């Protein structure tokens, strides 16, 4: 894990979540801007995952085996959140699609914070 990428992921995920919740409040389905935002967040998260895997293979990161397993589980889930949110947002072309994208952004931010804690 690298702190600059983690901070970038958290900020971008929260920005997408805020935009999505505004769209939800305005009773609008998810638009192109939200999907582009999810793409950016997903790309940053993939970069973070690649860095974490390389560093983990190099011996950095959590030392206890159960913490490594927990970290990998969180990492896989965090990488999966943006694409799943995009699919669900496309499948639900109402304000609830925007709400799903917003929830996914908030969940991803929390996941990255948890990844940092487990990396410790």
PDB file of N, CA and C in Angstrom:
ATOM      1  N   UNK A   1       0.851  -1.179   0.000  1.00  0.00           N
ATOM      2  CA  UNK A   1       0.000   0.000   0.000  1.00  0.00           C
ATOM      3  C   UNK A   1       0.892   1.236   0.000  1.00  0.00           C
ATOM      4  N   UNK A   2       0.462   2.215  -0.768  1.00  0.00           N
ATOM      5  CA  UNK A   2       1.149   3.506  -0.728  1.00  0.00           C
ATOM      6  C   UNK A   2       0.144   4.556  -0.311  1.00  0.00           C
ATOM      7  N   UNK A   3       0.558   5.415   0.573  1.00  0.00           N
ATOM      8  CA  UNK A   3      -0.354   6.428   1.088  1.00  0.00           C
ATOM      9  C   UNK A   3      -0.869   7.388   0.021  1.00  0.00           C
ATOM     10  N   UNK A   4      -0.033   7.872  -0.919  1.00  0.00           N
ATOM     11  CA  UNK A   4      -0.580   8.787  -1.927  1.00  0.00           C
ATOM     12  C   UNK A   4      -1.686   8.153  -2.778  1.00  0.00           C
ATOM     13  N   UNK A   5      -1.495   6.892  -3.174  1.00  0.00           N
ATOM     14  CA  UNK A   5      -2.548   6.226  -3.942  1.00  0.00           C
ATOM     15  C   UNK A   5      -3.781   5.962  -3.091  1.00  0.00           C
ATOM     16  N   UNK A   6      -3.579   5.625  -1.832  1.00  0.00           N
ATOM     17  CA  UNK A   6      -4.718   5.397  -0.936  1.00  0.00           C
ATOM     18  C   UNK A   6      -5.518   6.677  -0.752  1.00  0.00           C
ATOM     19  N   UNK A   7      -4.827   7.782  -0.547  1.00  0.00           N
ATOM     20  CA  UNK A   7      -5.521   9.064  -0.382  1.00  0.00           C
ATOM     21  C   UNK A   7      -6.242   9.447  -1.665  1.00  0.00           C
ATOM     22  N   UNK A   8      -5.591   9.232  -2.804  1.00  0.00           N
ATOM     23  CA  UNK A   8      -6.236   9.539  -4.085  1.00  0.00           C
ATOM     24  C   UNK A   8      -7.487   8.688  -4.280  1.00  0.00           C
ATOM     25  N   UNK A   9      -7.426   7.426  -3.913  1.00  0.00           N
ATOM     26  CA  UNK A   9      -8.582   6.547  -4.041  1.00  0.00           C
ATOM     27  C   UNK A   9      -9.719   7.000  -3.138  1.00  0.00           C
ATOM     28  N   UNK A  10      -9.389   7.326  -1.905  1.00  0.00           N
ATOM     29  CA  UNK A  10     -10.415   7.761  -0.951  1.00  0.00           C
ATOM     30  C   UNK A  10     -11.077   9.049  -1.426  1.00  0.00           C
ATOM     31  N   UNK A  11     -10.277  10.026  -1.834  1.00  0.00           N
ATOM     32  CA  UNK A  11     -10.822  11.310  -2.291  1.00  0.00           C
ATOM     33  C   UNK A  11     -11.687  11.126  -3.530  1.00  0.00           C
ATOM     34  N   UNK A  12     -11.186  10.350  -4.495  1.00  0.00           N
ATOM     35  CA  UNK A  12     -11.953  10.139  -5.726  1.00  0.00           C
ATOM     36  C   UNK A  12     -13.244   9.374  -5.447  1.00  0.00           C
ATOM     37  N   UNK A  13     -13.182   8.351  -4.597  1.00  0.00           N
ATOM     38  CA  UNK A  13     -14.384   7.579  -4.270  1.00  0.00           C
ATOM     39  C   UNK A  13     -15.415   8.436  -3.560  1.00  0.00           C
ATOM     40  N   UNK A  14     -14.966   9.284  -2.644  1.00  0.00           N
ATOM     41  CA  UNK A  14     -15.910  10.157  -1.943  1.00  0.00           C
ATOM     42  C   UNK A  14     -16.483  11.233  -2.867  1.00  0.00           C
ATOM     43  N   UNK A  15     -15.684  11.699  -3.816  1.00  0.00           N
ATOM     44  CA  UNK A  15     -16.193  12.670  -4.797  1.00  0.00           C
ATOM     45  C   UNK A  15     -17.269  12.040  -5.678  1.00  0.00           C
ATOM     46  N   UNK A  16     -17.032  10.810  -6.135  1.00  0.00           N
ATOM     47  CA  UNK A  16     -18.044  10.108  -6.934  1.00  0.00           C
ATOM     48  C   UNK A  16     -19.290   9.865  -6.100  1.00  0.00           C
ATOM     49  N   UNK A  17     -19.105   9.474  -4.840  1.00  0.00           N
ATOM     50  CA  UNK A  17     -20.252   9.249  -3.961  1.00  0.00           C
ATOM     51  C   UNK A  17     -21.062  10.529  -3.777  1.00  0.00           C
ATOM     52  N   UNK A  18     -20.376  11.647  -3.565  1.00  0.00           N
ATOM     53  CA  UNK A  18     -21.081  12.920  -3.387  1.00  0.00           C
ATOM     54  C   UNK A  18     -21.857  13.299  -4.646  1.00  0.00           C
ATOM     55  N   UNK A  19     -21.218  13.153  -5.817  1.00  0.00           N
ATOM     56  CA  UNK A  19     -21.923  13.458  -7.076  1.00  0.00           C
ATOM     57  C   UNK A  19     -23.131  12.547  -7.252  1.00  0.00           C
ATOM     58  N   UNK A  20     -22.962  11.277  -6.911  1.00  0.00           N
ATOM     59  CA  UNK A  20     -24.059  10.328  -7.063  1.00  0.00           C
ATOM     60  C   UNK A  20     -25.216  10.656  -6.120  1.00  0.00           C
ATOM     61  N   UNK A  21     -24.912  11.055  -4.897  1.00  0.00           N
ATOM     62  CA  UNK A  21     -25.977  11.383  -3.962  1.00  0.00           C
ATOM     63  C   UNK A  21     -26.694  12.675  -4.364  1.00  0.00           C
ATOM     64  N   UNK A  22     -25.957  13.600  -4.978  1.00  0.00           N
ATOM     65  CA  UNK A  22     -26.608  14.807  -5.503  1.00  0.00           C
ATOM     66  C   UNK A  22     -27.564  14.423  -6.631  1.00  0.00           C
ATOM     67  N   UNK A  23     -27.119  13.532  -7.512  1.00  0.00           N
ATOM     68  CA  UNK A  23     -27.988  13.072  -8.599  1.00  0.00           C
ATOM     69  C   UNK A  23     -29.201  12.333  -8.049  1.00  0.00           C
ATOM     70  N   UNK A  24     -29.016  11.578  -6.990  1.00  0.00           N
ATOM     71  CA  UNK A  24     -30.132  10.883  -6.347  1.00  0.00           C
ATOM     72  C   UNK A  24     -31.130  11.893  -5.801  1.00  0.00           C
ATOM     73  N   UNK A  25     -30.633  12.909  -5.124  1.00  0.00           N
ATOM     74  CA  UNK A  25     -31.515  13.935  -4.561  1.00  0.00           C
ATOM     75  C   UNK A  25     -32.254  14.703  -5.655  1.00  0.00           C
ATOM     76  N   UNK A  26     -31.615  14.830  -6.831  1.00  0.00           N
ATOM     77  CA  UNK A  26     -32.249  15.534  -7.946  1.00  0.00           C
ATOM     78  C   UNK A  26     -33.147  14.604  -8.767  1.00  0.00           C
ATOM     79  N   UNK A  27     -33.283  13.355  -8.313  1.00  0.00           N
ATOM     80  CA  UNK A  27     -34.143  12.363  -8.945  1.00  0.00           C
ATOM     81  C   UNK A  27     -33.686  12.045 -10.371  1.00  0.00           C
ATOM     82  N   UNK A  28     -32.365  11.877 -10.541  1.00  0.00           N
ATOM     83  CA  UNK A  28     -31.797  11.591 -11.860  1.00  0.00           C
ATOM     84  C   UNK A  28     -31.067  10.250 -11.853  1.00  0.00           C
ATOM     85  N   UNK A  29     -31.121   9.559 -12.980  1.00  0.00           N
ATOM     86  CA  UNK A  29     -30.360   8.307 -13.082  1.00  0.00           C
ATOM     87  C   UNK A  29     -28.874   8.607 -13.219  1.00  0.00           C
ATOM     88  N   UNK A  30     -28.041   7.595 -13.027  1.00  0.00           N
ATOM     89  CA  UNK A  30     -26.602   7.833 -13.185  1.00  0.00           C
ATOM     90  C   UNK A  30     -26.280   8.203 -14.628  1.00  0.00           C
ATOM     91  N   UNK A  31     -25.466   9.223 -14.790  1.00  0.00           N
ATOM     92  CA  UNK A  31     -25.097   9.695 -16.117  1.00  0.00           C
ATOM     93  C   UNK A  31     -23.665   9.369 -16.451  1.00  0.00           C
ATOM     94  N   UNK A  32     -23.248   9.871 -17.577  1.00  0.00           N
ATOM     95  CA  UNK A  32     -21.904   9.600 -18.089  1.00  0.00           C
ATOM     96  C   UNK A  32     -20.824  10.045 -17.104  1.00  0.00           C
ATOM     97  N   UNK A  33     -21.030  11.186 -16.461  1.00  0.00           N
ATOM     98  CA  UNK A  33     -20.013  11.707 -15.532  1.00  0.00           C
ATOM     99  C   UNK A  33     -19.778  10.725 -14.382  1.00  0.00           C
ATOM    100  N   UNK A  34     -20.854  10.137 -13.860  1.00  0.00           N
ATOM    101  CA  UNK A  34     -20.697   9.173 -12.770  1.00  0.00           C
ATOM    102  C   UNK A  34     -19.946   7.927 -13.245  1.00  0.00           C
ATOM    103  N   UNK A  35     -20.241   7.475 -14.438  1.00  0.00           N
ATOM    104  CA  UNK A  35     -19.565   6.282 -14.946  1.00  0.00           C
ATOM    105  C   UNK A  35     -18.091   6.567 -15.239  1.00  0.00           C
ATOM    106  N   UNK A  36     -17.801   7.756 -15.729  1.00  0.00           N
ATOM    107  CA  UNK A  36     -16.397   8.138 -15.924  1.00  0.00           C
ATOM    108  C   UNK A  36     -15.688   8.212 -14.571  1.00  0.00           C
ATOM    109  N   UNK A  37     -16.362   8.782 -13.590  1.00  0.00           N
ATOM    110  CA  UNK A  37     -15.798   8.833 -12.236  1.00  0.00           C
ATOM    111  C   UNK A  37     -15.526   7.449 -11.678  1.00  0.00           C
ATOM    112  N   UNK A  38     -16.458   6.520 -11.896  1.00  0.00           N
ATOM    113  CA  UNK A  38     -16.222   5.149 -11.450  1.00  0.00           C
ATOM    114  C   UNK A  38     -15.029   4.534 -12.172  1.00  0.00           C
ATOM    115  N   UNK A  39     -14.866   4.859 -13.446  1.00  0.00           N
ATOM    116  CA  UNK A  39     -13.715   4.356 -14.197  1.00  0.00           C
ATOM    117  C   UNK A  39     -12.407   4.871 -13.634  1.00  0.00           C
ATOM    118  N   UNK A  40     -12.381   6.146 -13.293  1.00  0.00           N
ATOM    119  CA  UNK A  40     -11.172   6.741 -12.712  1.00  0.00           C
ATOM    120  C   UNK A  40     -10.869   6.099 -11.356  1.00  0.00           C
ATOM    121  N   UNK A  41     -11.898   5.965 -10.532  1.00  0.00           N
ATOM    122  CA  UNK A  41     -11.711   5.345  -9.217  1.00  0.00           C
ATOM    123  C   UNK A  41     -11.233   3.902  -9.383  1.00  0.00           C
ATOM    124  N   UNK A  42     -11.828   3.191 -10.327  1.00  0.00           N
ATOM    125  CA  UNK A  42     -11.420   1.811 -10.569  1.00  0.00           C
ATOM    126  C   UNK A  42      -9.982   1.717 -11.031  1.00  0.00           C
ATOM    127  N   UNK A  43      -9.555   2.630 -11.897  1.00  0.00           N
ATOM    128  CA  UNK A  43      -8.166   2.620 -12.381  1.00  0.00           C
ATOM    129  C   UNK A  43      -7.187   2.901 -11.246  1.00  0.00           C
ATOM    130  N   UNK A  44      -7.523   3.848 -10.398  1.00  0.00           N
ATOM    131  CA  UNK A  44      -6.650   4.144  -9.254  1.00  0.00           C
ATOM    132  C   UNK A  44      -6.582   2.938  -8.324  1.00  0.00           C
ATOM    133  N   UNK A  45      -7.731   2.280  -8.120  1.00  0.00           N
ATOM    134  CA  UNK A  45      -7.766   1.122  -7.228  1.00  0.00           C
ATOM    135  C   UNK A  45      -6.962  -0.038  -7.803  1.00  0.00           C
ATOM    136  N   UNK A  46      -7.016  -0.240  -9.109  1.00  0.00           N
ATOM    137  CA  UNK A  46      -6.213  -1.297  -9.744  1.00  0.00           C
ATOM    138  C   UNK A  46      -4.724  -0.987  -9.585  1.00  0.00           C
ATOM    139  N   UNK A  47      -4.342   0.272  -9.771  1.00  0.00           N
ATOM    140  CA  UNK A  47      -2.943   0.661  -9.579  1.00  0.00           C
ATOM    141  C   UNK A  47      -2.516   0.393  -8.137  1.00  0.00           C
ATOM    142  N   UNK A  48      -3.372   0.751  -7.196  1.00  0.00           N
ATOM    143  CA  UNK A  48      -3.076   0.501  -5.787  1.00  0.00           C
ATOM    144  C   UNK A  48      -2.933  -0.999  -5.526  1.00  0.00           C
ATOM    145  N   UNK A  49      -3.799  -1.801  -6.124  1.00  0.00           N
ATOM    146  CA  UNK A  49      -3.747  -3.243  -5.927  1.00  0.00           C
ATOM    147  C   UNK A  49      -2.448  -3.822  -6.489  1.00  0.00           C
ATOM    148  N   UNK A  50      -2.038  -3.368  -7.666  1.00  0.00           N
ATOM    149  CA  UNK A  50      -0.792  -3.855  -8.255  1.00  0.00           C
ATOM    150  C   UNK A  50       0.409  -3.511  -7.384  1.00  0.00           C
ATOM    151  N   UNK A  51       0.443  -2.285  -6.897  1.00  0.00           N
ATOM    152  CA  UNK A  51       1.539  -1.873  -6.003  1.00  0.00           C
ATOM    153  C   UNK A  51       1.521  -2.721  -4.735  1.00  0.00           C
ATOM    154  N   UNK A  52       0.347  -2.936  -4.178  1.00  0.00           N
ATOM    155  CA  UNK A  52       0.244  -3.722  -2.942  1.00  0.00           C
ATOM    156  C   UNK A  52       0.687  -5.158  -3.163  1.00  0.00           C
ATOM    157  N   UNK A  53       0.308  -5.751  -4.287  1.00  0.00           N
ATOM    158  CA  UNK A  53       0.696  -7.139  -4.559  1.00  0.00           C
ATOM    159  C   UNK A  53       2.211  -7.245  -4.728  1.00  0.00           C
ATOM    160  N   UNK A  54       2.805  -6.307  -5.450  1.00  0.00           N
ATOM    161  CA  UNK A  54       4.261  -6.326  -5.638  1.00  0.00           C
ATOM    162  C   UNK A  54       4.966  -6.161  -4.299  1.00  0.00           C
ATOM    163  N   UNK A  55       4.492  -5.234  -3.500  1.00  0.00           N
ATOM    164  CA  UNK A  55       5.137  -5.019  -2.198  1.00  0.00           C
ATOM    165  C   UNK A  55       4.915  -6.203  -1.267  1.00  0.00           C
ATOM    166  N   UNK A  56       3.733  -6.812  -1.344  1.00  0.00           N
ATOM    167  CA  UNK A  56       3.433  -7.985  -0.523  1.00  0.00           C
ATOM    168  C   UNK A  56       4.338  -9.149  -0.916  1.00  0.00           C
ATOM    169  N   UNK A  57       4.542  -9.328  -2.218  1.00  0.00           N
ATOM    170  CA  UNK A  57       5.445 -10.383  -2.700  1.00  0.00           C
ATOM    171  C   UNK A  57       6.887 -10.102  -2.286  1.00  0.00           C
ATOM    172  N   UNK A  58       7.231  -8.830  -2.132  1.00  0.00           N
ATOM    173  CA  UNK A  58       8.575  -8.448  -1.721  1.00  0.00           C
ATOM    174  C   UNK A  58       8.811  -8.535  -0.228  1.00  0.00           C
ATOM    175  N   UNK A  59       7.793  -8.910   0.528  1.00  0.00           N
ATOM    176  CA  UNK A  59       7.961  -9.082   1.965  1.00  0.00           C
ATOM    177  C   UNK A  59       7.418  -7.958   2.820  1.00  0.00           C
ATOM    178  N   UNK A  60       6.903  -6.910   2.219  1.00  0.00           N
ATOM    179  CA  UNK A  60       6.325  -5.820   3.004  1.00  0.00           C
ATOM    180  C   UNK A  60       4.893  -6.187   3.392  1.00  0.00           C
ATOM    181  N   UNK A  61       4.318  -5.391   4.254  1.00  0.00           N
ATOM    182  CA  UNK A  61       2.916  -5.584   4.603  1.00  0.00           C
ATOM    183  C   UNK A  61       2.730  -6.330   5.899  1.00  0.00           C
ATOM    184  N   UNK A  62       1.528  -6.855   6.101  1.00  0.00           N
ATOM    185  CA  UNK A  62       1.239  -7.560   7.358  1.00  0.00           C
ATOM    186  C   UNK A  62       2.089  -8.814   7.488  1.00  0.00           C
ATOM    187  N   UNK A  63       2.444  -9.136   8.733  1.00  0.00           N
ATOM    188  CA  UNK A  63       3.324 -10.273   8.973  1.00  0.00           C
ATOM    189  C   UNK A  63       2.547 -11.542   9.303  1.00  0.00           C
ATOM    190  N   UNK A  64       1.450 -11.430  10.005  1.00  0.00           N
ATOM    191  CA  UNK A  64       0.670 -12.607  10.383  1.00  0.00           C
ATOM    192  C   UNK A  64      -0.085 -13.142   9.169  1.00  0.00           C
ATOM    193  N   UNK A  65      -0.131 -14.456   9.046  1.00  0.00           N
ATOM    194  CA  UNK A  65      -0.767 -15.090   7.892  1.00  0.00           C
ATOM    195  C   UNK A  65      -2.234 -14.721   7.783  1.00  0.00           C
ATOM    196  N   UNK A  66      -2.943 -14.712   8.903  1.00  0.00           N
ATOM    197  CA  UNK A  66      -4.375 -14.383   8.856  1.00  0.00           C
ATOM    198  C   UNK A  66      -4.599 -12.926   8.430  1.00  0.00           C
ATOM    199  N   UNK A  67      -3.679 -12.053   8.756  1.00  0.00           N
ATOM    200  CA  UNK A  67      -3.810 -10.655   8.308  1.00  0.00           C
ATOM    201  C   UNK A  67      -3.542 -10.535   6.813  1.00  0.00           C
ATOM    202  N   UNK A  68      -2.635 -11.345   6.281  1.00  0.00           N
ATOM    203  CA  UNK A  68      -2.372 -11.338   4.843  1.00  0.00           C
ATOM    204  C   UNK A  68      -3.617 -11.814   4.097  1.00  0.00           C
ATOM    205  N   UNK A  69      -4.249 -12.860   4.590  1.00  0.00           N
ATOM    206  CA  UNK A  69      -5.472 -13.370   3.966  1.00  0.00           C
ATOM    207  C   UNK A  69      -6.574 -12.322   4.031  1.00  0.00           C
ATOM    208  N   UNK A  70      -6.726 -11.673   5.160  1.00  0.00           N
ATOM    209  CA  UNK A  70      -7.716 -10.606   5.301  1.00  0.00           C
ATOM    210  C   UNK A  70      -7.423  -9.468   4.330  1.00  0.00           C
ATOM    211  N   UNK A  71      -6.165  -9.096   4.232  1.00  0.00           N
ATOM    212  CA  UNK A  71      -5.770  -8.018   3.334  1.00  0.00           C
ATOM    213  C   UNK A  71      -6.107  -8.366   1.888  1.00  0.00           C
ATOM    214  N   UNK A  72      -5.776  -9.572   1.464  1.00  0.00           N
ATOM    215  CA  UNK A  72      -6.051  -9.983   0.089  1.00  0.00           C
ATOM    216  C   UNK A  72      -7.560 -10.012  -0.176  1.00  0.00           C
ATOM    217  N   UNK A  73      -8.334 -10.454   0.783  1.00  0.00           N
ATOM    218  CA  UNK A  73      -9.792 -10.450   0.638  1.00  0.00           C
ATOM    219  C   UNK A  73     -10.340  -9.042   0.466  1.00  0.00           C
ATOM    220  N   UNK A  74      -9.909  -8.134   1.316  1.00  0.00           N
ATOM    221  CA  UNK A  74     -10.331  -6.735   1.191  1.00  0.00           C
ATOM    222  C   UNK A  74      -9.890  -6.152  -0.148  1.00  0.00           C
ATOM    223  N   UNK A  75      -8.671  -6.480  -0.570  1.00  0.00           N
ATOM    224  CA  UNK A  75      -8.129  -5.945  -1.813  1.00  0.00           C
ATOM    225  C   UNK A  75      -8.939  -6.420  -3.021  1.00  0.00           C
ATOM    226  N   UNK A  76      -9.261  -7.700  -3.063  1.00  0.00           N
ATOM    227  CA  UNK A  76     -10.064  -8.229  -4.169  1.00  0.00           C
ATOM    228  C   UNK A  76     -11.446  -7.591  -4.207  1.00  0.00           C
ATOM    229  N   UNK A  77     -12.054  -7.437  -3.045  1.00  0.00           N
ATOM    230  CA  UNK A  77     -13.372  -6.824  -2.978  1.00  0.00           C
ATOM    231  C   UNK A  77     -13.309  -5.357  -3.400  1.00  0.00           C
ATOM    232  N   UNK A  78     -12.267  -4.651  -2.976  1.00  0.00           N
ATOM    233  CA  UNK A  78     -12.137  -3.232  -3.321  1.00  0.00           C
ATOM    234  C   UNK A  78     -11.947  -3.038  -4.825  1.00  0.00           C
ATOM    235  N   UNK A  79     -11.205  -3.937  -5.462  1.00  0.00           N
ATOM    236  CA  UNK A  79     -11.020  -3.842  -6.910  1.00  0.00           C
ATOM    237  C   UNK A  79     -12.333  -4.140  -7.642  1.00  0.00           C
ATOM    238  N   UNK A  80     -13.169  -4.999  -7.061  1.00  0.00           N
ATOM    239  CA  UNK A  80     -14.427  -5.391  -7.707  1.00  0.00           C
ATOM    240  C   UNK A  80     -15.535  -4.349  -7.541  1.00  0.00           C
ATOM    241  N   UNK A  81     -15.460  -3.492  -6.550  1.00  0.00           N
ATOM    242  CA  UNK A  81     -16.562  -2.557  -6.270  1.00  0.00           C
ATOM    243  C   UNK A  81     -16.871  -1.615  -7.438  1.00  0.00           C
ATOM    244  N   UNK A  82     -15.912  -0.894  -8.031  1.00  0.00           N
ATOM    245  CA  UNK A  82     -16.274   0.031  -9.110  1.00  0.00           C
ATOM    246  C   UNK A  82     -16.935  -0.619 -10.323  1.00  0.00           C
ATOM    247  N   UNK A  83     -16.422  -1.744 -10.852  1.00  0.00           N
ATOM    248  CA  UNK A  83     -17.114  -2.336 -11.999  1.00  0.00           C
ATOM    249  C   UNK A  83     -18.511  -2.851 -11.654  1.00  0.00           C
ATOM    250  N   UNK A  84     -18.657  -3.422 -10.471  1.00  0.00           N
ATOM    251  CA  UNK A  84     -19.975  -3.902 -10.059  1.00  0.00           C
ATOM    252  C   UNK A  84     -20.937  -2.728  -9.904  1.00  0.00           C
ATOM    253  N   UNK A  85     -20.461  -1.629  -9.349  1.00  0.00           N
ATOM    254  CA  UNK A  85     -21.307  -0.436  -9.216  1.00  0.00           C
ATOM    255  C   UNK A  85     -21.720   0.092 -10.579  1.00  0.00           C
ATOM    256  N   UNK A  86     -20.805   0.061 -11.541  1.00  0.00           N
ATOM    257  CA  UNK A  86     -21.139   0.530 -12.887  1.00  0.00           C
ATOM    258  C   UNK A  86     -22.209  -0.347 -13.520  1.00  0.00           C
ATOM    259  N   UNK A  87     -22.077  -1.651 -13.367  1.00  0.00           N
ATOM    260  CA  UNK A  87     -23.079  -2.565 -13.937  1.00  0.00           C
ATOM    261  C   UNK A  87     -24.431  -2.356 -13.265  1.00  0.00           C
ATOM    262  N   UNK A  88     -24.437  -2.280 -11.947  1.00  0.00           N
ATOM    263  CA  UNK A  88     -25.700  -2.078 -11.242  1.00  0.00           C
ATOM    264  C   UNK A  88     -26.319  -0.719 -11.572  1.00  0.00           C
ATOM    265  N   UNK A  89     -25.486   0.299 -11.728  1.00  0.00           N
ATOM    266  CA  UNK A  89     -25.988   1.617 -12.103  1.00  0.00           C
ATOM    267  C   UNK A  89     -26.618   1.605 -13.489  1.00  0.00           C
ATOM    268  N   UNK A  90     -26.011   0.850 -14.407  1.00  0.00           N
ATOM    269  CA  UNK A  90     -26.576   0.728 -15.763  1.00  0.00           C
ATOM    270  C   UNK A  90     -27.882  -0.065 -15.747  1.00  0.00           C
ATOM    271  N   UNK A  91     -27.941  -1.088 -14.908  1.00  0.00           N
ATOM    272  CA  UNK A  91     -29.134  -1.922 -14.848  1.00  0.00           C
ATOM    273  C   UNK A  91     -30.322  -1.217 -14.187  1.00  0.00           C
ATOM    274  N   UNK A  92     -30.057  -0.224 -13.388  1.00  0.00           N
ATOM    275  CA  UNK A  92     -31.118   0.509 -12.679  1.00  0.00           C
ATOM    276  C   UNK A  92     -31.124   1.957 -13.159  1.00  0.00           C
ATOM    277  N   UNK A  93     -31.809   2.237 -14.282  1.00  0.00           N
ATOM    278  CA  UNK A  93     -31.774   3.589 -14.861  1.00  0.00           C
ATOM    279  C   UNK A  93     -32.753   4.556 -14.186  1.00  0.00           C
ATOM    280  N   UNK A  94     -32.754   4.551 -12.861  1.00  0.00           N
ATOM    281  CA  UNK A  94     -33.579   5.493 -12.096  1.00  0.00           C
ATOM    282  C   UNK A  94     -32.675   6.158 -11.063  1.00  0.00           C
ATOM    283  N   UNK A  95     -33.278   6.927 -10.209  1.00  0.00           N
ATOM    284  CA  UNK A  95     -32.495   7.577  -9.167  1.00  0.00           C
ATOM    285  C   UNK A  95     -31.810   6.570  -8.258  1.00  0.00           C
ATOM    286  N   UNK A  96     -32.383   5.371  -8.172  1.00  0.00           N
ATOM    287  CA  UNK A  96     -31.783   4.352  -7.318  1.00  0.00           C
ATOM    288  C   UNK A  96     -30.471   3.828  -7.895  1.00  0.00           C
ATOM    289  N   UNK A  97     -30.292   3.929  -9.200  1.00  0.00           N
ATOM    290  CA  UNK A  97     -29.006   3.613  -9.807  1.00  0.00           C
ATOM    291  C   UNK A  97     -27.934   4.569  -9.324  1.00  0.00           C
ATOM    292  N   UNK A  98     -28.305   5.844  -9.245  1.00  0.00           N
ATOM    293  CA  UNK A  98     -27.369   6.835  -8.705  1.00  0.00           C
ATOM    294  C   UNK A  98     -27.067   6.560  -7.237  1.00  0.00           C
ATOM    295  N   UNK A  99     -28.087   6.134  -6.504  1.00  0.00           N
ATOM    296  CA  UNK A  99     -27.876   5.807  -5.091  1.00  0.00           C
ATOM    297  C   UNK A  99     -26.924   4.621  -4.943  1.00  0.00           C
ATOM    298  N   UNK A 100     -27.066   3.627  -5.819  1.00  0.00           N
ATOM    299  CA  UNK A 100     -26.161   2.480  -5.783  1.00  0.00           C
ATOM    300  C   UNK A 100     -24.717   2.902  -6.033  1.00  0.00           C
ATOM    301  N   UNK A 101     -24.520   3.792  -6.991  1.00  0.00           N
ATOM    302  CA  UNK A 101     -23.174   4.289  -7.276  1.00  0.00           C
ATOM    303  C   UNK A 101     -22.630   5.056  -6.074  1.00  0.00           C
ATOM    304  N   UNK A 102     -23.466   5.856  -5.438  1.00  0.00           N
ATOM    305  CA  UNK A 102     -23.038   6.604  -4.258  1.00  0.00           C
ATOM    306  C   UNK A 102     -22.654   5.701  -3.100  1.00  0.00           C
ATOM    307  N   UNK A 103     -23.447   4.680  -2.877  1.00  0.00           N
ATOM    308  CA  UNK A 103     -23.145   3.731  -1.805  1.00  0.00           C
ATOM    309  C   UNK A 103     -21.832   3.012  -2.102  1.00  0.00           C
ATOM    310  N   UNK A 104     -21.638   2.639  -3.351  1.00  0.00           N
ATOM    311  CA  UNK A 104     -20.396   1.958  -3.732  1.00  0.00           C
ATOM    312  C   UNK A 104     -19.185   2.856  -3.494  1.00  0.00           C
ATOM    313  N   UNK A 105     -19.291   4.139  -3.821  1.00  0.00           N
ATOM    314  CA  UNK A 105     -18.191   5.061  -3.575  1.00  0.00           C
ATOM    315  C   UNK A 105     -17.864   5.175  -2.098  1.00  0.00           C
ATOM    316  N   UNK A 106     -18.897   5.259  -1.263  1.00  0.00           N
ATOM    317  CA  UNK A 106     -18.682   5.351   0.180  1.00  0.00           C
ATOM    318  C   UNK A 106     -18.070   4.063   0.727  1.00  0.00           C
ATOM    319  N   UNK A 107     -18.559   2.920   0.249  1.00  0.00           N
ATOM    320  CA  UNK A 107     -18.025   1.630   0.694  1.00  0.00           C
ATOM    321  C   UNK A 107     -16.559   1.487   0.291  1.00  0.00           C
ATOM    322  N   UNK A 108     -16.232   1.906  -0.925  1.00  0.00           N
ATOM    323  CA  UNK A 108     -14.847   1.799  -1.383  1.00  0.00           C
ATOM    324  C   UNK A 108     -13.917   2.651  -0.524  1.00  0.00           C
ATOM    325  N   UNK A 109     -14.343   3.845  -0.160  1.00  0.00           N
ATOM    326  CA  UNK A 109     -13.508   4.696   0.697  1.00  0.00           C
ATOM    327  C   UNK A 109     -13.239   4.004   2.037  1.00  0.00           C
ATOM    328  N   UNK A 110     -14.263   3.391   2.602  1.00  0.00           N
ATOM    329  CA  UNK A 110     -14.094   2.683   3.875  1.00  0.00           C
ATOM    330  C   UNK A 110     -13.190   1.470   3.694  1.00  0.00           C
ATOM    331  N   UNK A 111     -13.336   0.758   2.586  1.00  0.00           N
ATOM    332  CA  UNK A 111     -12.483  -0.395   2.324  1.00  0.00           C
ATOM    333  C   UNK A 111     -11.009  -0.007   2.234  1.00  0.00           C
ATOM    334  N   UNK A 112     -10.723   1.105   1.601  1.00  0.00           N
ATOM    335  CA  UNK A 112      -9.326   1.535   1.470  1.00  0.00           C
ATOM    336  C   UNK A 112      -8.759   1.919   2.838  1.00  0.00           C
ATOM    337  N   UNK A 113      -9.563   2.561   3.658  1.00  0.00           N
ATOM    338  CA  UNK A 113      -9.107   2.877   5.021  1.00  0.00           C
ATOM    339  C   UNK A 113      -8.823   1.581   5.782  1.00  0.00           C
ATOM    340  N   UNK A 114      -9.701   0.610   5.630  1.00  0.00           N
ATOM    341  CA  UNK A 114      -9.499  -0.678   6.303  1.00  0.00           C
ATOM    342  C   UNK A 114      -8.260  -1.394   5.761  1.00  0.00           C
ATOM    343  N   UNK A 115      -8.027  -1.308   4.459  1.00  0.00           N
ATOM    344  CA  UNK A 115      -6.811  -1.893   3.876  1.00  0.00           C
ATOM    345  C   UNK A 115      -5.566  -1.282   4.505  1.00  0.00           C
ATOM    346  N   UNK A 116      -5.579   0.029   4.697  1.00  0.00           N
ATOM    347  CA  UNK A 116      -4.429   0.686   5.324  1.00  0.00           C
ATOM    348  C   UNK A 116      -4.222   0.201   6.746  1.00  0.00           C
ATOM    349  N   UNK A 117      -5.331  -0.019   7.475  1.00  0.00           N
ATOM    350  CA  UNK A 117      -5.224  -0.497   8.858  1.00  0.00           C
ATOM    351  C   UNK A 117      -4.647  -1.910   8.902  1.00  0.00           C
ATOM    352  N   UNK A 118      -5.107  -2.772   8.020  1.00  0.00           N
ATOM    353  CA  UNK A 118      -4.610  -4.142   8.009  1.00  0.00           C
ATOM    354  C   UNK A 118      -3.149  -4.186   7.557  1.00  0.00           C
ATOM    355  N   UNK A 119      -2.805  -3.314   6.610  1.00  0.00           N
ATOM    356  CA  UNK A 119      -1.414  -3.274   6.112  1.00  0.00           C
ATOM    357  C   UNK A 119      -0.476  -2.932   7.251  1.00  0.00           C
ATOM    358  N   UNK A 120      -0.906  -1.954   8.092  1.00  0.00           N
ATOM    359  CA  UNK A 120      -0.241  -1.486   9.272  1.00  0.00           C
ATOM    360  C   UNK A 120       1.213  -1.502   9.271  1.00  0.00           C
TER     361      UNK A 120
END
